[in-house]
C-alpha atoms as a PDB file:
ATOM      1  CA  MET A   1      -0.143  -0.098  -0.087  1.00  0.00           C
ATOM      2  CA  SER A   2       2.929   2.541   0.367  1.00  0.00           C
ATOM      3  CA  ASP A   3       3.957   1.844  -3.025  1.00  0.00           C
ATOM      4  CA  LEU A   4       0.980   3.476  -4.315  1.00  0.00           C
ATOM      5  CA  HIS A   5       0.654   6.491  -1.751  1.00  0.00           C
ATOM      6  CA  SER A   6       3.950   7.149  -3.229  1.00  0.00           C
ATOM      7  CA  LEU A   7       2.883   6.902  -6.406  1.00  0.00           C
ATOM      8  CA  PHE A   8      -0.260   9.045  -6.110  1.00  0.00           C
ATOM      9  CA  SER A   9       1.893  11.555  -4.440  1.00  0.00           C
ATOM     10  CA  SER A  10       4.443  11.332  -7.722  1.00  0.00           C
ATOM     11  CA  ALA A  11       0.949  11.849 -10.151  1.00  0.00           C
ATOM     12  CA  GLN A  12      -0.148  14.920  -7.478  1.00  0.00           C
ATOM     13  CA  ALA A  13       3.585  16.463  -8.049  1.00  0.00           C
ATOM     14  CA  ALA A  14       3.622  15.829 -11.984  1.00  0.00           C
ATOM     15  CA  GLY A  15      -0.064  17.711 -11.987  1.00  0.00           C
ATOM     16  CA  VAL A  16      -2.220  14.986 -12.565  1.00  0.00           C
ATOM     17  CA  LEU A  17      -4.099  14.431  -9.515  1.00  0.00           C
ATOM     18  CA  THR A  18      -4.447  17.341  -7.144  1.00  0.00           C
ATOM     19  CA  THR A  19      -4.599  16.956  -3.184  1.00  0.00           C
ATOM     20  CA  GLU A  20      -8.014  15.986  -3.107  1.00  0.00           C
ATOM     21  CA  SER A  21      -8.375  13.515  -5.596  1.00  0.00           C
ATOM     22  CA  SER A  22      -4.848  11.986  -4.363  1.00  0.00           C
ATOM     23  CA  CYS A  23      -6.838  11.735  -1.268  1.00  0.00           C
ATOM     24  CA  LEU A  24     -10.010  10.480  -2.329  1.00  0.00           C
ATOM     25  CA  LEU A  25      -7.718   7.565  -3.826  1.00  0.00           C
ATOM     26  CA  SER A  26      -5.465   6.696  -1.016  1.00  0.00           C
ATOM     27  CA  GLY A  27      -8.397   6.436   1.478  1.00  0.00           C
ATOM     28  CA  HIS A  28     -10.218   3.772  -0.498  1.00  0.00           C
ATOM     29  CA  LEU A  29      -7.532   1.625  -1.153  1.00  0.00           C
ATOM     30  CA  GLY A  30      -7.907  -2.310  -1.122  1.00  0.00           C
ATOM     31  CA  PRO A  31      -6.903  -5.560  -2.975  1.00  0.00           C
ATOM     32  CA  VAL A  32      -8.356  -5.196  -6.540  1.00  0.00           C
ATOM     33  CA  VAL A  33      -6.828  -1.592  -6.880  1.00  0.00           C
ATOM     34  CA  VAL A  34      -3.494  -3.278  -5.870  1.00  0.00           C
ATOM     35  CA  ALA A  35      -4.255  -5.615  -8.277  1.00  0.00           C
ATOM     36  CA  GLY A  36      -5.223  -3.570 -11.124  1.00  0.00           C
ATOM     37  CA  ALA A  37      -2.176  -1.431 -10.471  1.00  0.00           C
ATOM     38  CA  ALA A  38       0.370  -3.792 -11.412  1.00  0.00           C
ATOM     39  CA  GLY A  39       1.228  -5.198 -15.239  1.00  0.00           C
ATOM     40  CA  LEU A  40       4.068  -5.906 -17.671  1.00  0.00           C
ATOM     41  CA  ALA A  41       7.720  -4.650 -15.934  1.00  0.00           C
ATOM     42  CA  ALA A  42       8.533  -1.463 -17.976  1.00  0.00           C
ATOM     43  CA  GLU A  43      11.854  -3.695 -19.398  1.00  0.00           C
ATOM     44  CA  HIS A  44       9.731  -6.233 -21.347  1.00  0.00           C
ATOM     45  CA  ILE A  45       7.832  -3.365 -23.064  1.00  0.00           C
ATOM     46  CA  VAL A  46       8.639  -3.010 -26.729  1.00  0.00           C
ATOM     47  CA  ALA A  47       6.929   0.069 -27.984  1.00  0.00           C
ATOM     48  CA  SER A  48       8.587   3.138 -27.553  1.00  0.00           C
ATOM     49  CA  ASP A  49       5.146   4.963 -25.830  1.00  0.00           C
ATOM     50  CA  VAL A  50       2.129   2.826 -24.875  1.00  0.00           C
ATOM     51  CA  THR A  51      -1.556   3.019 -24.518  1.00  0.00           C
ATOM     52  CA  LEU A  52      -3.170   1.663 -21.589  1.00  0.00           C
ATOM     53  CA  VAL A  53      -6.589   0.109 -22.391  1.00  0.00           C
ATOM     54  CA  THR A  54      -8.688  -0.496 -19.353  1.00  0.00           C
ATOM     55  CA  VAL A  55     -11.945  -1.835 -20.227  1.00  0.00           C
ATOM     56  CA  LEU A  56     -14.856  -2.543 -17.405  1.00  0.00           C
ATOM     57  CA  ILE A  57     -17.477  -4.806 -17.454  1.00  0.00           C
ATOM     58  CA  ASP A  58     -20.711  -4.459 -15.958  1.00  0.00           C
ATOM     59  CA  LYS A  59     -21.725  -8.910 -14.807  1.00  0.00           C
ATOM     60  CA  SER A  60     -24.110  -7.168 -13.072  1.00  0.00           C
ATOM     61  CA  SER A  61     -27.830  -9.481 -12.706  1.00  0.00           C
ATOM     62  CA  SER A  62     -29.801  -7.697 -15.816  1.00  0.00           C
ATOM     63  CA  ILE A  63     -27.220  -8.480 -17.939  1.00  0.00           C
ATOM     64  CA  GLY A  64     -28.046 -12.365 -17.695  1.00  0.00           C
ATOM     65  CA  SER A  65     -31.978 -11.065 -17.253  1.00  0.00           C
ATOM     66  CA  ALA A  66     -31.484  -9.833 -20.586  1.00  0.00           C
ATOM     67  CA  ASP A  67     -29.519 -12.554 -22.045  1.00  0.00           C
ATOM     68  CA  LEU A  68     -26.697 -10.582 -23.041  1.00  0.00           C
ATOM     69  CA  GLU A  69     -24.129 -12.688 -20.911  1.00  0.00           C
ATOM     70  CA  ASP A  70     -22.895 -14.476 -23.875  1.00  0.00           C
ATOM     71  CA  ALA A  71     -23.241 -11.442 -26.499  1.00  0.00           C
ATOM     72  CA  VAL A  72     -20.150  -9.755 -23.386  1.00  0.00           C
ATOM     73  CA  ARG A  73     -17.859 -12.740 -23.960  1.00  0.00           C
ATOM     74  CA  THR A  74     -18.361 -12.732 -27.628  1.00  0.00           C
ATOM     75  CA  GLY A  75     -17.487  -9.000 -28.058  1.00  0.00           C
ATOM     76  CA  GLN A  76     -14.827  -8.957 -25.267  1.00  0.00           C
ATOM     77  CA  ASN A  77     -12.906 -11.520 -27.123  1.00  0.00           C
ATOM     78  CA  ALA A  78     -13.615 -10.032 -30.491  1.00  0.00           C
ATOM     79  CA  LEU A  79     -11.876  -6.865 -28.737  1.00  0.00           C
ATOM     80  CA  CYS A  80      -8.820  -8.491 -28.644  1.00  0.00           C
ATOM     81  CA  ASP A  81      -8.988  -9.834 -32.106  1.00  0.00           C
ATOM     82  CA  ALA A  82      -9.173  -6.653 -33.151  1.00  0.00           C
ATOM     83  CA  PHE A  83      -6.181  -5.387 -31.000  1.00  0.00           C
ATOM     84  CA  ALA A  84      -4.343  -8.299 -31.626  1.00  0.00           C
ATOM     85  CA  GLY A  85      -4.710  -7.719 -35.142  1.00  0.00           C
ATOM     86  CA  SER A  86      -3.770  -4.020 -35.533  1.00  0.00           C
ATOM     87  CA  LYS A  87      -0.454  -2.515 -36.351  1.00  0.00           C
ATOM     88  CA  GLU A  88      -0.379  -0.575 -33.384  1.00  0.00           C
ATOM     89  CA  ARG A  89      -0.742  -4.008 -30.729  1.00  0.00           C
ATOM     90  CA  ASP A  90       2.764  -3.535 -29.602  1.00  0.00           C
ATOM     91  CA  GLY A  91       1.935  -0.248 -27.979  1.00  0.00           C
ATOM     92  CA  ILE A  92      -1.183  -1.376 -26.113  1.00  0.00           C
ATOM     93  CA  LEU A  93      -1.707  -3.091 -22.547  1.00  0.00           C
ATOM     94  CA  LEU A  94      -5.064  -4.178 -21.981  1.00  0.00           C
ATOM     95  CA  ALA A  95      -6.087  -4.139 -18.495  1.00  0.00           C
ATOM     96  CA  LEU A  96      -9.625  -6.127 -18.077  1.00  0.00           C
ATOM     97  CA  TRP A  97     -12.526  -5.538 -15.307  1.00  0.00           C
ATOM     98  CA  THR A  98     -15.784  -7.214 -14.231  1.00  0.00           C
ATOM     99  CA  PHE A  99     -17.791  -5.866 -12.388  1.00  0.00           C
ATOM    100  CA  HIS A 100     -21.556  -5.948 -10.108  1.00  0.00           C
ATOM    101  CA  HIS A 101     -21.510  -5.216  -6.232  1.00  0.00           C
ATOM    102  CA  GLU A 102     -17.650  -6.108  -6.094  1.00  0.00           C
ATOM    103  CA  ALA A 103     -15.102  -6.095  -8.821  1.00  0.00           C
ATOM    104  CA  GLU A 104     -12.802  -8.079 -10.138  1.00  0.00           C
ATOM    105  CA  VAL A 105      -9.344  -7.537 -11.904  1.00  0.00           C
ATOM    106  CA  VAL A 106      -9.364 -10.436 -14.693  1.00  0.00           C
ATOM    107  CA  HIS A 107      -6.178  -9.208 -15.494  1.00  0.00           C
ATOM    108  CA  SER A 108      -3.860  -5.920 -14.974  1.00  0.00           C
ATOM    109  CA  TYR A 109      -1.824  -4.640 -17.982  1.00  0.00           C
ATOM    110  CA  LEU A 110      -0.575  -6.918 -20.412  1.00  0.00           C
ATOM    111  CA  PRO A 111       0.345  -7.639 -23.852  1.00  0.00           C
ATOM    112  CA  VAL A 112      -2.817  -7.985 -25.920  1.00  0.00           C
ATOM    113  CA  GLU A 113      -1.757 -11.054 -27.249  1.00  0.00           C
ATOM    114  CA  ASP A 114      -1.748 -12.488 -23.277  1.00  0.00           C
ATOM    115  CA  ALA A 115      -5.311 -11.089 -22.593  1.00  0.00           C
ATOM    116  CA  VAL A 116      -7.673 -13.356 -21.044  1.00  0.00           C
ATOM    117  CA  ARG A 117     -10.304 -14.323 -22.792  1.00  0.00           C
ATOM    118  CA  LEU A 118     -14.144 -14.422 -21.130  1.00  0.00           C
ATOM    119  CA  ASP A 119     -15.852 -17.749 -21.191  1.00  0.00           C
ATOM    120  CA  ASP A 120     -18.715 -18.789 -18.505  1.00  0.00           C
ATOM    121  CA  ARG A 121     -16.504 -19.684 -15.952  1.00  0.00           C
ATOM    122  CA  ASN A 122     -14.739 -15.911 -15.742  1.00  0.00           C
ATOM    123  CA  TYR A 123     -18.075 -14.102 -16.638  1.00  0.00           C
ATOM    124  CA  ARG A 124     -21.105 -15.267 -15.280  1.00  0.00           C
ATOM    125  CA  ALA A 125     -23.978 -12.150 -14.205  1.00  0.00           C
ATOM    126  CA  GLY A 126     -25.215 -11.421 -10.657  1.00  0.00           C
ATOM    127  CA  GLY A 127     -25.606  -8.913  -8.272  1.00  0.00           C
ATOM    128  CA  ALA A 128     -25.723  -4.889  -8.255  1.00  0.00           C
ATOM    129  CA  THR A 129     -23.977  -2.174 -10.054  1.00  0.00           C
ATOM    130  CA  HIS A 130     -21.424  -1.054  -7.854  1.00  0.00           C
ATOM    131  CA  LEU A 131     -20.651   1.730 -11.313  1.00  0.00           C
ATOM    132  CA  TYR A 132     -19.021   4.607  -9.061  1.00  0.00           C
ATOM    133  CA  ASP A 133     -16.637   1.964  -6.934  1.00  0.00           C
ATOM    134  CA  THR A 134     -15.335   0.263  -9.671  1.00  0.00           C
ATOM    135  CA  PHE A 135     -14.422   3.775 -12.023  1.00  0.00           C
ATOM    136  CA  CYS A 136     -12.993   5.302  -8.815  1.00  0.00           C
ATOM    137  CA  ASP A 137     -10.847   1.635  -8.075  1.00  0.00           C
ATOM    138  CA  ALA A 138      -9.934   1.753 -11.779  1.00  0.00           C
ATOM    139  CA  LEU A 139      -9.075   5.140 -12.090  1.00  0.00           C
ATOM    140  CA  ALA A 140      -6.644   4.469  -9.160  1.00  0.00           C
ATOM    141  CA  ALA A 141      -5.032   1.432 -10.152  1.00  0.00           C
ATOM    142  CA  ASN A 142      -4.654   3.369 -13.663  1.00  0.00           C
ATOM    143  CA  VAL A 143      -2.662   6.054 -11.941  1.00  0.00           C
ATOM    144  CA  ALA A 144      -0.431   4.035 -10.323  1.00  0.00           C
ATOM    145  CA  TYR A 145       0.444   1.911 -12.866  1.00  0.00           C
ATOM    146  CA  ALA A 146       1.433   5.458 -15.391  1.00  0.00           C
ATOM    147  CA  GLU A 147       3.194   6.785 -12.750  1.00  0.00           C
ATOM    148  CA  THR A 148       5.615   3.483 -13.168  1.00  0.00           C
ATOM    149  CA  LEU A 149       5.813   3.119 -16.354  1.00  0.00           C
ATOM    150  CA  ARG A 150       6.821   6.980 -16.260  1.00  0.00           C
ATOM    151  CA  ALA A 151       8.958   7.043 -13.743  1.00  0.00           C
ATOM    152  CA  SER A 152      11.126   4.252 -16.069  1.00  0.00           C
ATOM    153  CA  GLY A 153      10.781   6.675 -18.796  1.00  0.00           C
ATOM    154  CA  THR A 154       8.259   5.242 -20.746  1.00  0.00           C
ATOM    155  CA  PRO A 155       5.404   7.788 -21.975  1.00  0.00           C
ATOM    156  CA  CYS A 156       2.007   6.458 -21.880  1.00  0.00           C
ATOM    157  CA  ARG A 157      -1.625   7.357 -22.370  1.00  0.00           C
ATOM    158  CA  SER A 158      -4.742   5.694 -20.688  1.00  0.00           C
ATOM    159  CA  VAL A 159      -8.682   5.146 -22.390  1.00  0.00           C
ATOM    160  CA  VAL A 160     -10.248   3.814 -19.502  1.00  0.00           C
ATOM    161  CA  VAL A 161     -14.298   2.577 -20.930  1.00  0.00           C
ATOM    162  CA  VAL A 162     -16.856   1.357 -18.813  1.00  0.00           C
ATOM    163  CA  ILE A 163     -19.840  -0.935 -20.318  1.00  0.00           C
ATOM    164  CA  THR A 164     -22.955  -0.935 -18.397  1.00  0.00           C
ATOM    165  CA  ASP A 165     -26.617  -1.594 -18.508  1.00  0.00           C
ATOM    166  CA  GLY A 166     -28.039   0.131 -15.960  1.00  0.00           C
ATOM    167  CA  ALA A 167     -26.938   2.791 -13.004  1.00  0.00           C
ATOM    168  CA  ASP A 168     -25.059   2.773 -10.183  1.00  0.00           C
ATOM    169  CA  TYR A 169     -26.490   0.749  -7.446  1.00  0.00           C
ATOM    170  CA  GLY A 170     -25.129   0.080  -3.562  1.00  0.00           C
ATOM    171  CA  SER A 171     -21.685   2.093  -3.857  1.00  0.00           C
ATOM    172  CA  SER A 172     -19.910   3.574  -1.035  1.00  0.00           C
ATOM    173  CA  ARG A 173     -18.898   6.568  -3.548  1.00  0.00           C
ATOM    174  CA  LYS A 174     -21.231   9.211  -5.195  1.00  0.00           C
ATOM    175  CA  ALA A 175     -20.805  10.244  -8.605  1.00  0.00           C
ATOM    176  CA  ALA A 176     -19.469  13.454  -7.625  1.00  0.00           C
ATOM    177  CA  ASP A 177     -16.478  11.602  -6.402  1.00  0.00           C
ATOM    178  CA  CYS A 178     -16.131   9.984 -10.430  1.00  0.00           C
ATOM    179  CA  ALA A 179     -16.377  13.381 -11.453  1.00  0.00           C
ATOM    180  CA  ARG A 180     -13.657  14.901  -9.373  1.00  0.00           C
ATOM    181  CA  LEU A 181     -11.203  12.047 -10.407  1.00  0.00           C
ATOM    182  CA  ALA A 182     -12.558  13.257 -13.508  1.00  0.00           C
ATOM    183  CA  ARG A 183     -11.786  16.443 -14.152  1.00  0.00           C
ATOM    184  CA  ASP A 184      -8.317  16.173 -12.571  1.00  0.00           C
ATOM    185  CA  LEU A 185      -7.197  13.863 -15.301  1.00  0.00           C
ATOM    186  CA  LEU A 186      -8.963  14.914 -17.944  1.00  0.00           C
ATOM    187  CA  ALA A 187      -7.350  18.440 -16.980  1.00  0.00           C
ATOM    188  CA  SER A 188      -3.560  16.113 -17.160  1.00  0.00           C
ATOM    189  CA  GLU A 189      -4.436  15.851 -20.881  1.00  0.00           C
ATOM    190  CA  GLN A 190      -3.021  11.814 -20.580  1.00  0.00           C
ATOM    191  CA  TYR A 191      -6.440  10.646 -20.003  1.00  0.00           C
ATOM    192  CA  VAL A 192      -9.587   9.517 -22.484  1.00  0.00           C
ATOM    193  CA  LEU A 193     -12.484   8.563 -20.017  1.00  0.00           C
ATOM    194  CA  ALA A 194     -15.705   6.886 -21.836  1.00  0.00           C
ATOM    195  CA  PHE A 195     -18.964   5.235 -21.105  1.00  0.00           C
ATOM    196  CA  VAL A 196     -21.153   2.805 -22.618  1.00  0.00           C
ATOM    197  CA  GLY A 197     -24.761   2.427 -21.723  1.00  0.00           C
ATOM    198  CA  VAL A 198     -26.613  -0.347 -23.020  1.00  0.00           C
ATOM    199  CA  GLY A 199     -30.503  -0.083 -22.366  1.00  0.00           C
ATOM    200  CA  GLY A 200     -33.197   2.374 -22.317  1.00  0.00           C
ATOM    201  CA  ASP A 201     -31.499   4.272 -19.126  1.00  0.00           C
ATOM    202  CA  ASP A 202     -30.507   8.258 -19.220  1.00  0.00           C
ATOM    203  CA  PHE A 203     -27.196   6.877 -19.699  1.00  0.00           C
ATOM    204  CA  ARG A 204     -25.953  10.353 -20.794  1.00  0.00           C
ATOM    205  CA  ALA A 205     -27.694  12.120 -17.787  1.00  0.00           C
ATOM    206  CA  VAL A 206     -25.517   9.088 -15.834  1.00  0.00           C
ATOM    207  CA  ALA A 207     -22.049   9.740 -17.468  1.00  0.00           C
ATOM    208  CA  LYS A 208     -22.475  13.307 -17.140  1.00  0.00           C
ATOM    209  CA  LYS A 209     -22.629  13.200 -13.816  1.00  0.00           C
ATOM    210  CA  MET A 210     -19.744  10.925 -13.381  1.00  0.00           C
ATOM    211  CA  GLY A 211     -17.843  13.745 -15.399  1.00  0.00           C
ATOM    212  CA  ILE A 212     -17.440  11.677 -18.647  1.00  0.00           C
ATOM    213  CA  PRO A 213     -17.539  14.502 -21.823  1.00  0.00           C
ATOM    214  CA  ASP A 214     -20.437  13.714 -23.961  1.00  0.00           C
ATOM    215  CA  GLY A 215     -18.578  13.278 -26.837  1.00  0.00           C
ATOM    216  CA  CYS A 216     -16.902  10.370 -25.242  1.00  0.00           C
ATOM    217  CA  VAL A 217     -20.678   9.115 -24.208  1.00  0.00           C
ATOM    218  CA  LEU A 218     -22.153   5.665 -26.427  1.00  0.00           C
ATOM    219  CA  VAL A 219     -25.518   5.029 -25.846  1.00  0.00           C
ATOM    220  CA  GLN A 220     -26.675   1.656 -27.260  1.00  0.00           C
ATOM    221  CA  LYS A 221     -30.409   1.457 -26.778  1.00  0.00           C
ATOM    222  CA  ASP A 222     -31.148  -1.892 -28.557  1.00  0.00           C
ATOM    223  CA  ALA A 223     -30.045  -4.023 -25.391  1.00  0.00           C
ATOM    224  CA  THR A 224     -29.876  -6.977 -27.624  1.00  0.00           C
ATOM    225  CA  PRO A 225     -26.885  -9.521 -28.051  1.00  0.00           C
ATOM    226  CA  SER A 226     -25.990  -8.070 -31.963  1.00  0.00           C
ATOM    227  CA  GLY A 227     -26.760  -4.245 -29.956  1.00  0.00           C
ATOM    228  CA  MET A 228     -23.720  -5.492 -27.364  1.00  0.00           C
ATOM    229  CA  ARG A 229     -21.529  -7.106 -29.730  1.00  0.00           C
ATOM    230  CA  GLN A 230     -21.623  -3.757 -32.098  1.00  0.00           C
ATOM    231  CA  VAL A 231     -20.645  -1.713 -28.785  1.00  0.00           C
ATOM    232  CA  PHE A 232     -17.387  -3.534 -28.527  1.00  0.00           C
ATOM    233  CA  GLN A 233     -16.725  -3.170 -32.401  1.00  0.00           C
ATOM    234  CA  MET A 234     -16.815   0.163 -31.367  1.00  0.00           C
ATOM    235  CA  VAL A 235     -14.697   0.884 -28.555  1.00  0.00           C
ATOM    236  CA  SER A 236     -11.974  -1.596 -30.082  1.00  0.00           C
ATOM    237  CA  ARG A 237     -12.096   0.696 -33.480  1.00  0.00           C
ATOM    238  CA  SER A 238     -11.890   3.908 -30.733  1.00  0.00           C
ATOM    239  CA  ALA A 239      -9.591   2.435 -28.841  1.00  0.00           C
ATOM    240  CA  ILE A 240      -7.147   1.936 -31.690  1.00  0.00           C
ATOM    241  CA  ARG A 241      -7.487   5.569 -33.214  1.00  0.00           C
ATOM    242  CA  ALA A 242      -6.588   6.969 -29.636  1.00  0.00           C
ATOM    243  CA  SER A 243      -3.703   4.652 -29.599  1.00  0.00           C
ATOM    244  CA  LYS A 244      -2.664   6.006 -33.060  1.00  0.00           C
ATOM    245  CA  GLY A 245      -2.883   9.441 -31.480  1.00  0.00           C
ATOM    246  CA  LEU A 246      -5.689  10.415 -33.627  1.00  0.00           C
ATOM    247  CA  ILE A 247      -7.936  10.905 -30.996  1.00  0.00           C
ATOM    248  CA  ARG A 248      -6.421  13.402 -28.167  1.00  0.00           C
ATOM    249  CA  PRO A 249      -6.756  12.846 -24.391  1.00  0.00           C
ATOM    250  CA  GLY A 250      -8.782  15.654 -22.788  1.00  0.00           C
ATOM    251  CA  THR A 251     -12.323  17.120 -22.477  1.00  0.00           C
ATOM    252  CA  THR A 252     -12.545  17.253 -26.365  1.00  0.00           C
ATOM    253  CA  ALA A 253     -11.675  13.679 -27.013  1.00  0.00           C
ATOM    254  CA  GLY A 254     -14.514  12.864 -28.843  1.00  0.00           C
ATOM    255  CA  PHE A 255     -13.582   9.162 -28.699  1.00  0.00           C
ATOM    256  CA  PHE A 256     -17.116   7.596 -30.127  1.00  0.00           C
ATOM    257  CA  ALA A 257     -16.535  10.531 -32.750  1.00  0.00           C
ATOM    258  CA  PRO A 258     -16.607   8.958 -36.728  1.00  0.00           C
END
């Protein structure tokens, strides 16, 4: 834990975090953040700079009720294939989280060819949607790992994408906590923060409260297997564009722009 505190202090000194945000992250450390902050050692990175892509996938009970579990698995695996088939694959490190009332780090930052594929053993729906807690924990983990890379001399940008079919239910942290962190990270111009809502909720309002820029919000009202698979296709295309430098980090990222 002491290493994480020092990494947050380093991010604060670099202007990535304010004191308030650093305290917010430091006050909610646990095993999931420690696991999420791990990743490929800097000496094994072959690219001159990297894009850290963090995908947070809802696995609450409503995913199962809508019969979307298999579509999520298929979509995430297709996303991995898209990354692996891109010219930018050596410069992408992928982290995969799933969440309901608890967040799970399926794997931390790895080369795309080492990414874990989802199946019916490691992805099964159930429970409530702790959206805000997961988002804050994932940002904490990303800030820590990104600072580790920068300290080693490896420049990096970060793309964090959350995919959910419902608003928050049961988190200990609030939308305002998410927005506070988002404001700092976007101002650093090192981050793209994106939100995908699947179904009929007012997801743009949810994302706005969390501090996600409107150009980085995608609403897929077609909550069907085909609609869910389309979501992952759009996420992979946008993330690859970001890794090419075609999407600038910050408040005007336009992650889902044509």
